[in-house]
PDB file of N, CA and C in Angstrom:
ATOM      1  N   MET A   1      10.384 -11.178  16.595  1.00  0.00           N
ATOM      2  CA  MET A   1       9.430 -12.087  15.988  1.00  0.00           C
ATOM      3  C   MET A   1       8.779 -11.465  14.753  1.00  0.00           C
ATOM      4  N   ALA A   2       8.356 -10.197  14.860  1.00  0.00           N
ATOM      5  CA  ALA A   2       7.675  -9.549  13.738  1.00  0.00           C
ATOM      6  C   ALA A   2       8.558  -9.550  12.496  1.00  0.00           C
ATOM      7  N   ASP A   3       9.828  -9.283  12.676  1.00  0.00           N
ATOM      8  CA  ASP A   3      10.728  -9.267  11.540  1.00  0.00           C
ATOM      9  C   ASP A   3      10.807 -10.647  10.898  1.00  0.00           C
ATOM     10  N   ASP A   4      10.782 -11.694  11.713  1.00  0.00           N
ATOM     11  CA  ASP A   4      10.854 -13.055  11.184  1.00  0.00           C
ATOM     12  C   ASP A   4       9.643 -13.389  10.324  1.00  0.00           C
ATOM     13  N   ILE A   5       8.438 -13.043  10.770  1.00  0.00           N
ATOM     14  CA  ILE A   5       7.244 -13.385  10.007  1.00  0.00           C
ATOM     15  C   ILE A   5       7.203 -12.599   8.702  1.00  0.00           C
ATOM     16  N   LEU A   6       7.679 -11.369   8.711  1.00  0.00           N
ATOM     17  CA  LEU A   6       7.701 -10.590   7.470  1.00  0.00           C
ATOM     18  C   LEU A   6       8.696 -11.192   6.482  1.00  0.00           C
ATOM     19  N   ALA A   7       9.844 -11.609   6.970  1.00  0.00           N
ATOM     20  CA  ALA A   7      10.835 -12.244   6.100  1.00  0.00           C
ATOM     21  C   ALA A   7      10.290 -13.559   5.551  1.00  0.00           C
ATOM     22  N   THR A   8       9.617 -14.313   6.399  1.00  0.00           N
ATOM     23  CA  THR A   8       9.015 -15.576   5.954  1.00  0.00           C
ATOM     24  C   THR A   8       7.954 -15.316   4.899  1.00  0.00           C
ATOM     25  N   LEU A   9       7.090 -14.339   5.143  1.00  0.00           N
ATOM     26  CA  LEU A   9       6.045 -14.011   4.189  1.00  0.00           C
ATOM     27  C   LEU A   9       6.632 -13.542   2.864  1.00  0.00           C
ATOM     28  N   GLU A  10       7.668 -12.737   2.935  1.00  0.00           N
ATOM     29  CA  GLU A  10       8.334 -12.268   1.716  1.00  0.00           C
ATOM     30  C   GLU A  10       8.856 -13.450   0.894  1.00  0.00           C
ATOM     31  N   THR A  11       9.459 -14.415   1.559  1.00  0.00           N
ATOM     32  CA  THR A  11       9.981 -15.604   0.881  1.00  0.00           C
ATOM     33  C   THR A  11       8.863 -16.418   0.252  1.00  0.00           C
ATOM     34  N   VAL A  12       7.780 -16.617   0.990  1.00  0.00           N
ATOM     35  CA  VAL A  12       6.644 -17.391   0.476  1.00  0.00           C
ATOM     36  C   VAL A  12       6.056 -16.715  -0.763  1.00  0.00           C
ATOM     37  N   ILE A  13       5.895 -15.407  -0.707  1.00  0.00           N
ATOM     38  CA  ILE A  13       5.349 -14.674  -1.850  1.00  0.00           C
ATOM     39  C   ILE A  13       6.253 -14.860  -3.066  1.00  0.00           C
ATOM     40  N   ARG A  14       7.550 -14.716  -2.878  1.00  0.00           N
ATOM     41  CA  ARG A  14       8.482 -14.862  -4.002  1.00  0.00           C
ATOM     42  C   ARG A  14       8.432 -16.281  -4.586  1.00  0.00           C
ATOM     43  N   GLU A  15       8.267 -17.264  -3.737  1.00  0.00           N
ATOM     44  CA  GLU A  15       8.213 -18.658  -4.200  1.00  0.00           C
ATOM     45  C   GLU A  15       6.926 -18.955  -4.958  1.00  0.00           C
ATOM     46  N   ARG A  16       5.832 -18.325  -4.570  1.00  0.00           N
ATOM     47  CA  ARG A  16       4.524 -18.651  -5.155  1.00  0.00           C
ATOM     48  C   ARG A  16       4.148 -17.806  -6.363  1.00  0.00           C
ATOM     49  N   ARG A  17       4.909 -16.774  -6.659  1.00  0.00           N
ATOM     50  CA  ARG A  17       4.553 -15.859  -7.744  1.00  0.00           C
ATOM     51  C   ARG A  17       4.331 -16.577  -9.076  1.00  0.00           C
ATOM     52  N   LEU A  18       5.144 -17.562  -9.366  1.00  0.00           N
ATOM     53  CA  LEU A  18       5.056 -18.253 -10.646  1.00  0.00           C
ATOM     54  C   LEU A  18       4.382 -19.620 -10.530  1.00  0.00           C
ATOM     55  N   GLY A  19       3.664 -19.803  -9.425  1.00  0.00           N
ATOM     56  CA  GLY A  19       2.960 -21.059  -9.220  1.00  0.00           C
ATOM     57  C   GLY A  19       1.695 -21.151 -10.052  1.00  0.00           C
ATOM     58  N   ASP A  20       0.852 -22.084  -9.701  1.00  0.00           N
ATOM     59  CA  ASP A  20      -0.405 -22.325 -10.403  1.00  0.00           C
ATOM     60  C   ASP A  20      -1.466 -21.343  -9.915  1.00  0.00           C
ATOM     61  N   PRO A  21      -1.945 -20.472 -10.796  1.00  0.00           N
ATOM     62  CA  PRO A  21      -2.975 -19.506 -10.391  1.00  0.00           C
ATOM     63  C   PRO A  21      -4.259 -20.160  -9.885  1.00  0.00           C
ATOM     64  N   ALA A  22      -4.479 -21.410 -10.249  1.00  0.00           N
ATOM     65  CA  ALA A  22      -5.679 -22.107  -9.776  1.00  0.00           C
ATOM     66  C   ALA A  22      -5.574 -22.492  -8.301  1.00  0.00           C
ATOM     67  N   SER A  23      -4.356 -22.571  -7.790  1.00  0.00           N
ATOM     68  CA  SER A  23      -4.190 -23.017  -6.410  1.00  0.00           C
ATOM     69  C   SER A  23      -3.445 -22.010  -5.526  1.00  0.00           C
ATOM     70  N   SER A  24      -3.057 -20.859  -6.091  1.00  0.00           N
ATOM     71  CA  SER A  24      -2.301 -19.875  -5.320  1.00  0.00           C
ATOM     72  C   SER A  24      -2.827 -18.472  -5.593  1.00  0.00           C
ATOM     73  N   TYR A  25      -3.279 -17.803  -4.535  1.00  0.00           N
ATOM     74  CA  TYR A  25      -3.729 -16.415  -4.674  1.00  0.00           C
ATOM     75  C   TYR A  25      -2.588 -15.538  -5.174  1.00  0.00           C
ATOM     76  N   VAL A  26      -1.393 -15.765  -4.667  1.00  0.00           N
ATOM     77  CA  VAL A  26      -0.232 -14.967  -5.086  1.00  0.00           C
ATOM     78  C   VAL A  26      -0.009 -15.118  -6.586  1.00  0.00           C
ATOM     79  N   ALA A  27      -0.016 -16.338  -7.082  1.00  0.00           N
ATOM     80  CA  ALA A  27       0.183 -16.577  -8.513  1.00  0.00           C
ATOM     81  C   ALA A  27      -0.959 -15.978  -9.323  1.00  0.00           C
ATOM     82  N   LYS A  28      -2.181 -16.102  -8.831  1.00  0.00           N
ATOM     83  CA  LYS A  28      -3.352 -15.572  -9.536  1.00  0.00           C
ATOM     84  C   LYS A  28      -3.270 -14.056  -9.667  1.00  0.00           C
ATOM     85  N   LEU A  29      -2.952 -13.381  -8.565  1.00  0.00           N
ATOM     86  CA  LEU A  29      -2.863 -11.923  -8.605  1.00  0.00           C
ATOM     87  C   LEU A  29      -1.657 -11.483  -9.436  1.00  0.00           C
ATOM     88  N   THR A  30      -0.540 -12.183  -9.318  1.00  0.00           N
ATOM     89  CA  THR A  30       0.643 -11.865 -10.111  1.00  0.00           C
ATOM     90  C   THR A  30       0.331 -11.960 -11.602  1.00  0.00           C
ATOM     91  N   ALA A  31      -0.415 -12.987 -11.981  1.00  0.00           N
ATOM     92  CA  ALA A  31      -0.756 -13.188 -13.393  1.00  0.00           C
ATOM     93  C   ALA A  31      -1.617 -12.047 -13.940  1.00  0.00           C
ATOM     94  N   LYS A  32      -2.333 -11.361 -13.065  1.00  0.00           N
ATOM     95  CA  LYS A  32      -3.183 -10.239 -13.498  1.00  0.00           C
ATOM     96  C   LYS A  32      -2.382  -8.965 -13.739  1.00  0.00           C
ATOM     97  N   GLY A  33      -1.135  -8.953 -13.279  1.00  0.00           N
ATOM     98  CA  GLY A  33      -0.258  -7.835 -13.575  1.00  0.00           C
ATOM     99  C   GLY A  33      -0.087  -6.838 -12.448  1.00  0.00           C
ATOM    100  N   ARG A  34       0.917  -6.007 -12.631  1.00  0.00           N
ATOM    101  CA  ARG A  34       1.308  -5.027 -11.613  1.00  0.00           C
ATOM    102  C   ARG A  34       0.189  -4.034 -11.289  1.00  0.00           C
ATOM    103  N   ALA A  35      -0.551  -3.605 -12.305  1.00  0.00           N
ATOM    104  CA  ALA A  35      -1.622  -2.635 -12.045  1.00  0.00           C
ATOM    105  C   ALA A  35      -2.667  -3.214 -11.094  1.00  0.00           C
ATOM    106  N   LYS A  36      -2.988  -4.497 -11.244  1.00  0.00           N
ATOM    107  CA  LYS A  36      -3.970  -5.133 -10.362  1.00  0.00           C
ATOM    108  C   LYS A  36      -3.409  -5.281  -8.941  1.00  0.00           C
ATOM    109  N   ILE A  37      -2.125  -5.619  -8.839  1.00  0.00           N
ATOM    110  CA  ILE A  37      -1.504  -5.716  -7.514  1.00  0.00           C
ATOM    111  C   ILE A  37      -1.544  -4.343  -6.839  1.00  0.00           C
ATOM    112  N   ALA A  38      -1.196  -3.302  -7.594  1.00  0.00           N
ATOM    113  CA  ALA A  38      -1.212  -1.943  -7.048  1.00  0.00           C
ATOM    114  C   ALA A  38      -2.632  -1.536  -6.643  1.00  0.00           C
ATOM    115  N   GLN A  39      -3.616  -1.919  -7.445  1.00  0.00           N
ATOM    116  CA  GLN A  39      -5.006  -1.624  -7.108  1.00  0.00           C
ATOM    117  C   GLN A  39      -5.395  -2.280  -5.787  1.00  0.00           C
ATOM    118  N   LYS A  40      -5.018  -3.534  -5.618  1.00  0.00           N
ATOM    119  CA  LYS A  40      -5.325  -4.244  -4.365  1.00  0.00           C
ATOM    120  C   LYS A  40      -4.645  -3.563  -3.185  1.00  0.00           C
ATOM    121  N   LEU A  41      -3.405  -3.120  -3.367  1.00  0.00           N
ATOM    122  CA  LEU A  41      -2.699  -2.407  -2.303  1.00  0.00           C
ATOM    123  C   LEU A  41      -3.476  -1.156  -1.924  1.00  0.00           C
ATOM    124  N   GLY A  42      -3.926  -0.409  -2.912  1.00  0.00           N
ATOM    125  CA  GLY A  42      -4.702   0.796  -2.648  1.00  0.00           C
ATOM    126  C   GLY A  42      -6.003   0.497  -1.917  1.00  0.00           C
ATOM    127  N   GLU A  43      -6.693  -0.554  -2.340  1.00  0.00           N
ATOM    128  CA  GLU A  43      -7.940  -0.944  -1.674  1.00  0.00           C
ATOM    129  C   GLU A  43      -7.694  -1.262  -0.207  1.00  0.00           C
ATOM    130  N   GLU A  44      -6.628  -2.007   0.057  1.00  0.00           N
ATOM    131  CA  GLU A  44      -6.330  -2.379   1.442  1.00  0.00           C
ATOM    132  C   GLU A  44      -5.944  -1.152   2.268  1.00  0.00           C
ATOM    133  N   ALA A  45      -5.254  -0.188   1.658  1.00  0.00           N
ATOM    134  CA  ALA A  45      -4.895   1.040   2.374  1.00  0.00           C
ATOM    135  C   ALA A  45      -6.151   1.815   2.761  1.00  0.00           C
ATOM    136  N   VAL A  46      -7.102   1.905   1.843  1.00  0.00           N
ATOM    137  CA  VAL A  46      -8.357   2.605   2.132  1.00  0.00           C
ATOM    138  C   VAL A  46      -9.119   1.876   3.238  1.00  0.00           C
ATOM    139  N   GLU A  47      -9.184   0.558   3.153  1.00  0.00           N
ATOM    140  CA  GLU A  47      -9.885  -0.218   4.180  1.00  0.00           C
ATOM    141  C   GLU A  47      -9.222  -0.050   5.541  1.00  0.00           C
ATOM    142  N   ALA A  48      -7.895   0.017   5.577  1.00  0.00           N
ATOM    143  CA  ALA A  48      -7.183   0.242   6.842  1.00  0.00           C
ATOM    144  C   ALA A  48      -7.518   1.620   7.398  1.00  0.00           C
ATOM    145  N   ALA A  49      -7.540   2.618   6.531  1.00  0.00           N
ATOM    146  CA  ALA A  49      -7.859   3.980   6.974  1.00  0.00           C
ATOM    147  C   ALA A  49      -9.284   4.050   7.517  1.00  0.00           C
ATOM    148  N   ILE A  50     -10.209   3.396   6.845  1.00  0.00           N
ATOM    149  CA  ILE A  50     -11.600   3.391   7.312  1.00  0.00           C
ATOM    150  C   ILE A  50     -11.709   2.725   8.676  1.00  0.00           C
ATOM    151  N   ALA A  51     -11.039   1.602   8.848  1.00  0.00           N
ATOM    152  CA  ALA A  51     -11.072   0.911  10.141  1.00  0.00           C
ATOM    153  C   ALA A  51     -10.511   1.811  11.243  1.00  0.00           C
ATOM    154  N   ALA A  52      -9.460   2.557  10.948  1.00  0.00           N
ATOM    155  CA  ALA A  52      -8.860   3.450  11.943  1.00  0.00           C
ATOM    156  C   ALA A  52      -9.829   4.572  12.304  1.00  0.00           C
ATOM    157  N   VAL A  53     -10.459   5.176  11.312  1.00  0.00           N
ATOM    158  CA  VAL A  53     -11.406   6.265  11.561  1.00  0.00           C
ATOM    159  C   VAL A  53     -12.599   5.754  12.370  1.00  0.00           C
ATOM    160  N   GLN A  54     -12.976   4.515  12.157  1.00  0.00           N
ATOM    161  CA  GLN A  54     -14.090   3.920  12.891  1.00  0.00           C
ATOM    162  C   GLN A  54     -13.664   3.383  14.256  1.00  0.00           C
ATOM    163  N   ASP A  55     -12.391   3.590  14.600  1.00  0.00           N
ATOM    164  CA  ASP A  55     -11.846   3.119  15.875  1.00  0.00           C
ATOM    165  C   ASP A  55     -12.007   1.607  16.045  1.00  0.00           C
ATOM    166  N   ASP A  56     -11.863   0.892  14.941  1.00  0.00           N
ATOM    167  CA  ASP A  56     -12.003  -0.564  14.912  1.00  0.00           C
ATOM    168  C   ASP A  56     -10.616  -1.193  14.977  1.00  0.00           C
ATOM    169  N   ARG A  57     -10.171  -1.469  16.188  1.00  0.00           N
ATOM    170  CA  ARG A  57      -8.818  -1.992  16.383  1.00  0.00           C
ATOM    171  C   ARG A  57      -8.625  -3.349  15.712  1.00  0.00           C
ATOM    172  N   ASP A  58      -9.590  -4.243  15.877  1.00  0.00           N
ATOM    173  CA  ASP A  58      -9.474  -5.562  15.241  1.00  0.00           C
ATOM    174  C   ASP A  58      -9.509  -5.435  13.723  1.00  0.00           C
ATOM    175  N   GLY A  59     -10.393  -4.582  13.235  1.00  0.00           N
ATOM    176  CA  GLY A  59     -10.478  -4.356  11.801  1.00  0.00           C
ATOM    177  C   GLY A  59      -9.184  -3.784  11.253  1.00  0.00           C
ATOM    178  N   LEU A  60      -8.614  -2.822  11.960  1.00  0.00           N
ATOM    179  CA  LEU A  60      -7.358  -2.231  11.515  1.00  0.00           C
ATOM    180  C   LEU A  60      -6.233  -3.257  11.521  1.00  0.00           C
ATOM    181  N   THR A  61      -6.214  -4.106  12.522  1.00  0.00           N
ATOM    182  CA  THR A  61      -5.182  -5.147  12.576  1.00  0.00           C
ATOM    183  C   THR A  61      -5.260  -6.052  11.347  1.00  0.00           C
ATOM    184  N   GLY A  62      -6.456  -6.497  11.018  1.00  0.00           N
ATOM    185  CA  GLY A  62      -6.634  -7.357   9.844  1.00  0.00           C
ATOM    186  C   GLY A  62      -6.310  -6.637   8.548  1.00  0.00           C
ATOM    187  N   GLU A  63      -6.774  -5.399   8.433  1.00  0.00           N
ATOM    188  CA  GLU A  63      -6.516  -4.636   7.203  1.00  0.00           C
ATOM    189  C   GLU A  63      -5.033  -4.291   7.076  1.00  0.00           C
ATOM    190  N   ALA A  64      -4.366  -4.035   8.199  1.00  0.00           N
ATOM    191  CA  ALA A  64      -2.924  -3.765   8.162  1.00  0.00           C
ATOM    192  C   ALA A  64      -2.166  -5.002   7.666  1.00  0.00           C
ATOM    193  N   ALA A  65      -2.600  -6.180   8.103  1.00  0.00           N
ATOM    194  CA  ALA A  65      -1.972  -7.417   7.624  1.00  0.00           C
ATOM    195  C   ALA A  65      -2.170  -7.557   6.116  1.00  0.00           C
ATOM    196  N   ASP A  66      -3.397  -7.277   5.639  1.00  0.00           N
ATOM    197  CA  ASP A  66      -3.673  -7.339   4.199  1.00  0.00           C
ATOM    198  C   ASP A  66      -2.830  -6.317   3.443  1.00  0.00           C
ATOM    199  N   LEU A  67      -2.701  -5.129   4.011  1.00  0.00           N
ATOM    200  CA  LEU A  67      -1.930  -4.061   3.384  1.00  0.00           C
ATOM    201  C   LEU A  67      -0.463  -4.454   3.243  1.00  0.00           C
ATOM    202  N   ILE A  68       0.108  -4.978   4.309  1.00  0.00           N
ATOM    203  CA  ILE A  68       1.508  -5.403   4.275  1.00  0.00           C
ATOM    204  C   ILE A  68       1.691  -6.548   3.281  1.00  0.00           C
ATOM    205  N   PHE A  69       0.770  -7.490   3.280  1.00  0.00           N
ATOM    206  CA  PHE A  69       0.838  -8.612   2.338  1.00  0.00           C
ATOM    207  C   PHE A  69       0.882  -8.103   0.899  1.00  0.00           C
ATOM    208  N   HIS A  70      -0.032  -7.207   0.565  1.00  0.00           N
ATOM    209  CA  HIS A  70      -0.086  -6.713  -0.812  1.00  0.00           C
ATOM    210  C   HIS A  70       1.099  -5.793  -1.139  1.00  0.00           C
ATOM    211  N   LEU A  71       1.615  -5.085  -0.151  1.00  0.00           N
ATOM    212  CA  LEU A  71       2.833  -4.300  -0.368  1.00  0.00           C
ATOM    213  C   LEU A  71       4.001  -5.231  -0.694  1.00  0.00           C
ATOM    214  N   LEU A  72       4.123  -6.331   0.034  1.00  0.00           N
ATOM    215  CA  LEU A  72       5.178  -7.300  -0.253  1.00  0.00           C
ATOM    216  C   LEU A  72       5.010  -7.892  -1.645  1.00  0.00           C
ATOM    217  N   MET A  73       3.766  -8.103  -2.072  1.00  0.00           N
ATOM    218  CA  MET A  73       3.536  -8.604  -3.427  1.00  0.00           C
ATOM    219  C   MET A  73       4.004  -7.591  -4.467  1.00  0.00           C
ATOM    220  N   LEU A  74       3.689  -6.317  -4.248  1.00  0.00           N
ATOM    221  CA  LEU A  74       4.084  -5.282  -5.196  1.00  0.00           C
ATOM    222  C   LEU A  74       5.606  -5.113  -5.220  1.00  0.00           C
ATOM    223  N   LEU A  75       6.229  -5.150  -4.056  1.00  0.00           N
ATOM    224  CA  LEU A  75       7.690  -5.075  -4.000  1.00  0.00           C
ATOM    225  C   LEU A  75       8.315  -6.228  -4.797  1.00  0.00           C
ATOM    226  N   ALA A  76       7.800  -7.435  -4.584  1.00  0.00           N
ATOM    227  CA  ALA A  76       8.332  -8.601  -5.300  1.00  0.00           C
ATOM    228  C   ALA A  76       8.151  -8.439  -6.805  1.00  0.00           C
ATOM    229  N   ASP A  77       7.012  -7.909  -7.217  1.00  0.00           N
ATOM    230  CA  ASP A  77       6.760  -7.726  -8.631  1.00  0.00           C
ATOM    231  C   ASP A  77       7.737  -6.728  -9.257  1.00  0.00           C
ATOM    232  N   MET A  78       8.208  -5.792  -8.450  1.00  0.00           N
ATOM    233  CA  MET A  78       9.156  -4.788  -8.936  1.00  0.00           C
ATOM    234  C   MET A  78      10.603  -5.181  -8.633  1.00  0.00           C
ATOM    235  N   GLU A  79      10.780  -6.431  -8.183  1.00  0.00           N
ATOM    236  CA  GLU A  79      12.098  -6.956  -7.832  1.00  0.00           C
ATOM    237  C   GLU A  79      12.781  -6.116  -6.758  1.00  0.00           C
ATOM    238  N   LEU A  80      11.966  -5.687  -5.799  1.00  0.00           N
ATOM    239  CA  LEU A  80      12.450  -4.998  -4.604  1.00  0.00           C
ATOM    240  C   LEU A  80      12.168  -5.885  -3.410  1.00  0.00           C
ATOM    241  N   SER A  81      12.806  -5.563  -2.280  1.00  0.00           N
ATOM    242  CA  SER A  81      12.640  -6.394  -1.093  1.00  0.00           C
ATOM    243  C   SER A  81      12.486  -5.522   0.150  1.00  0.00           C
ATOM    244  N   LEU A  82      12.186  -6.184   1.240  1.00  0.00           N
ATOM    245  CA  LEU A  82      12.156  -5.478   2.526  1.00  0.00           C
ATOM    246  C   LEU A  82      13.518  -4.876   2.835  1.00  0.00           C
ATOM    247  N   ASP A  83      14.581  -5.515   2.400  1.00  0.00           N
ATOM    248  CA  ASP A  83      15.917  -4.958   2.632  1.00  0.00           C
ATOM    249  C   ASP A  83      16.076  -3.619   1.914  1.00  0.00           C
ATOM    250  N   ASP A  84      15.478  -3.484   0.737  1.00  0.00           N
ATOM    251  CA  ASP A  84      15.515  -2.195   0.038  1.00  0.00           C
ATOM    252  C   ASP A  84      14.772  -1.131   0.842  1.00  0.00           C
ATOM    253  N   VAL A  85      13.649  -1.506   1.409  1.00  0.00           N
ATOM    254  CA  VAL A  85      12.867  -0.574   2.221  1.00  0.00           C
ATOM    255  C   VAL A  85      13.626  -0.240   3.503  1.00  0.00           C
ATOM    256  N   ARG A  86      14.218  -1.252   4.122  1.00  0.00           N
ATOM    257  CA  ARG A  86      15.024  -1.013   5.333  1.00  0.00           C
ATOM    258  C   ARG A  86      16.166  -0.043   5.041  1.00  0.00           C
ATOM    259  N   ALA A  87      16.821  -0.220   3.909  1.00  0.00           N
ATOM    260  CA  ALA A  87      17.935   0.665   3.543  1.00  0.00           C
ATOM    261  C   ALA A  87      17.454   2.099   3.374  1.00  0.00           C
ATOM    262  N   GLU A  88      16.292   2.270   2.778  1.00  0.00           N
ATOM    263  CA  GLU A  88      15.747   3.619   2.608  1.00  0.00           C
ATOM    264  C   GLU A  88      15.384   4.233   3.952  1.00  0.00           C
ATOM    265  N   LEU A  89      14.798   3.434   4.830  1.00  0.00           N
ATOM    266  CA  LEU A  89      14.478   3.935   6.173  1.00  0.00           C
ATOM    267  C   LEU A  89      15.755   4.295   6.932  1.00  0.00           C
ATOM    268  N   ALA A  90      16.786   3.495   6.794  1.00  0.00           N
ATOM    269  CA  ALA A  90      18.066   3.791   7.449  1.00  0.00           C
ATOM    270  C   ALA A  90      18.662   5.085   6.902  1.00  0.00           C
ATOM    271  N   ARG A  91      18.537   5.295   5.595  1.00  0.00           N
ATOM    272  CA  ARG A  91      19.042   6.519   4.986  1.00  0.00           C
ATOM    273  C   ARG A  91      18.333   7.745   5.558  1.00  0.00           C
ATOM    274  N   ARG A  92      17.073   7.590   5.864  1.00  0.00           N
ATOM    275  CA  ARG A  92      16.276   8.707   6.370  1.00  0.00           C
ATOM    276  C   ARG A  92      16.428   8.922   7.873  1.00  0.00           C
ATOM    277  N   GLU A  93      17.010   7.968   8.573  1.00  0.00           N
ATOM    278  CA  GLU A  93      17.120   8.065  10.019  1.00  0.00           C
ATOM    279  C   GLU A  93      17.862   9.338  10.413  1.00  0.00           C
ATOM    280  N   GLY A  94      17.291  10.064  11.358  1.00  0.00           N
ATOM    281  CA  GLY A  94      17.909  11.285  11.838  1.00  0.00           C
ATOM    282  C   GLY A  94      17.596  12.510  11.001  1.00  0.00           C
ATOM    283  N   VAL A  95      16.821  12.331   9.927  1.00  0.00           N
ATOM    284  CA  VAL A  95      16.422  13.452   9.078  1.00  0.00           C
ATOM    285  C   VAL A  95      14.966  13.745   9.381  1.00  0.00           C
ATOM    286  N   SER A  96      14.653  15.012   9.612  1.00  0.00           N
ATOM    287  CA  SER A  96      13.256  15.328   9.925  1.00  0.00           C
ATOM    288  C   SER A  96      12.380  15.005   8.732  1.00  0.00           C
ATOM    289  N   GLY A  97      11.152  14.656   9.000  1.00  0.00           N
ATOM    290  CA  GLY A  97      10.210  14.357   7.934  1.00  0.00           C
ATOM    291  C   GLY A  97      10.016  15.534   6.997  1.00  0.00           C
ATOM    292  N   ILE A  98      10.027  16.724   7.535  1.00  0.00           N
ATOM    293  CA  ILE A  98       9.862  17.920   6.712  1.00  0.00           C
ATOM    294  C   ILE A  98      11.046  18.080   5.773  1.00  0.00           C
ATOM    295  N   GLU A  99      12.264  17.892   6.300  1.00  0.00           N
ATOM    296  CA  GLU A  99      13.463  17.999   5.463  1.00  0.00           C
ATOM    297  C   GLU A  99      13.495  16.907   4.396  1.00  0.00           C
ATOM    298  N   GLU A 100      13.143  15.686   4.782  1.00  0.00           N
ATOM    299  CA  GLU A 100      13.198  14.570   3.855  1.00  0.00           C
ATOM    300  C   GLU A 100      12.196  14.803   2.719  1.00  0.00           C
ATOM    301  N   LYS A 101      10.994  15.245   3.033  1.00  0.00           N
ATOM    302  CA  LYS A 101       9.993  15.488   1.997  1.00  0.00           C
ATOM    303  C   LYS A 101      10.446  16.608   1.076  1.00  0.00           C
ATOM    304  N   ALA A 102      11.021  17.656   1.642  1.00  0.00           N
ATOM    305  CA  ALA A 102      11.511  18.782   0.822  1.00  0.00           C
ATOM    306  C   ALA A 102      12.612  18.334  -0.134  1.00  0.00           C
ATOM    307  N   SER A 103      13.445  17.381   0.291  1.00  0.00           N
ATOM    308  CA  SER A 103      14.521  16.909  -0.573  1.00  0.00           C
ATOM    309  C   SER A 103      13.982  16.140  -1.773  1.00  0.00           C
ATOM    310  N   ARG A 104      12.811  15.548  -1.651  1.00  0.00           N
ATOM    311  CA  ARG A 104      12.199  14.814  -2.766  1.00  0.00           C
ATOM    312  C   ARG A 104      11.478  15.759  -3.728  1.00  0.00           C
ATOM    313  N   ASN A 105      11.022  16.890  -3.229  1.00  0.00           N
ATOM    314  CA  ASN A 105      10.244  17.804  -4.057  1.00  0.00           C
ATOM    315  C   ASN A 105      11.117  18.872  -4.698  1.00  0.00           C
ATOM    316  N   GLY A 106      12.336  18.981  -4.272  1.00  0.00           N
ATOM    317  CA  GLY A 106      13.171  20.071  -4.757  1.00  0.00           C
ATOM    318  C   GLY A 106      14.116  19.628  -5.755  1.00  0.00           C
TER     319      GLY A 106
END
């Protein structure tokens, strides 16, 4: 089920990006540019972290939803998709986090 809602949300975001900014949050934020979308993603990440530190399960759930939403917006703006992210995760499968990080820094 979770995969279905993410795919649905990804499709909705892609459809609304070029809509009317007066009636669509996605279109409004898209019109403000990639830097603003990235800023919103960062804000939601901080809010999620704060909710976790405060042991606020409901707050974290809501902030995680906002975080994923804005991540999907940023991916769409960069013409990337969840499938691109899935492929990267599949590539990393079976590789330790320490090894994978070292391969990016070296």
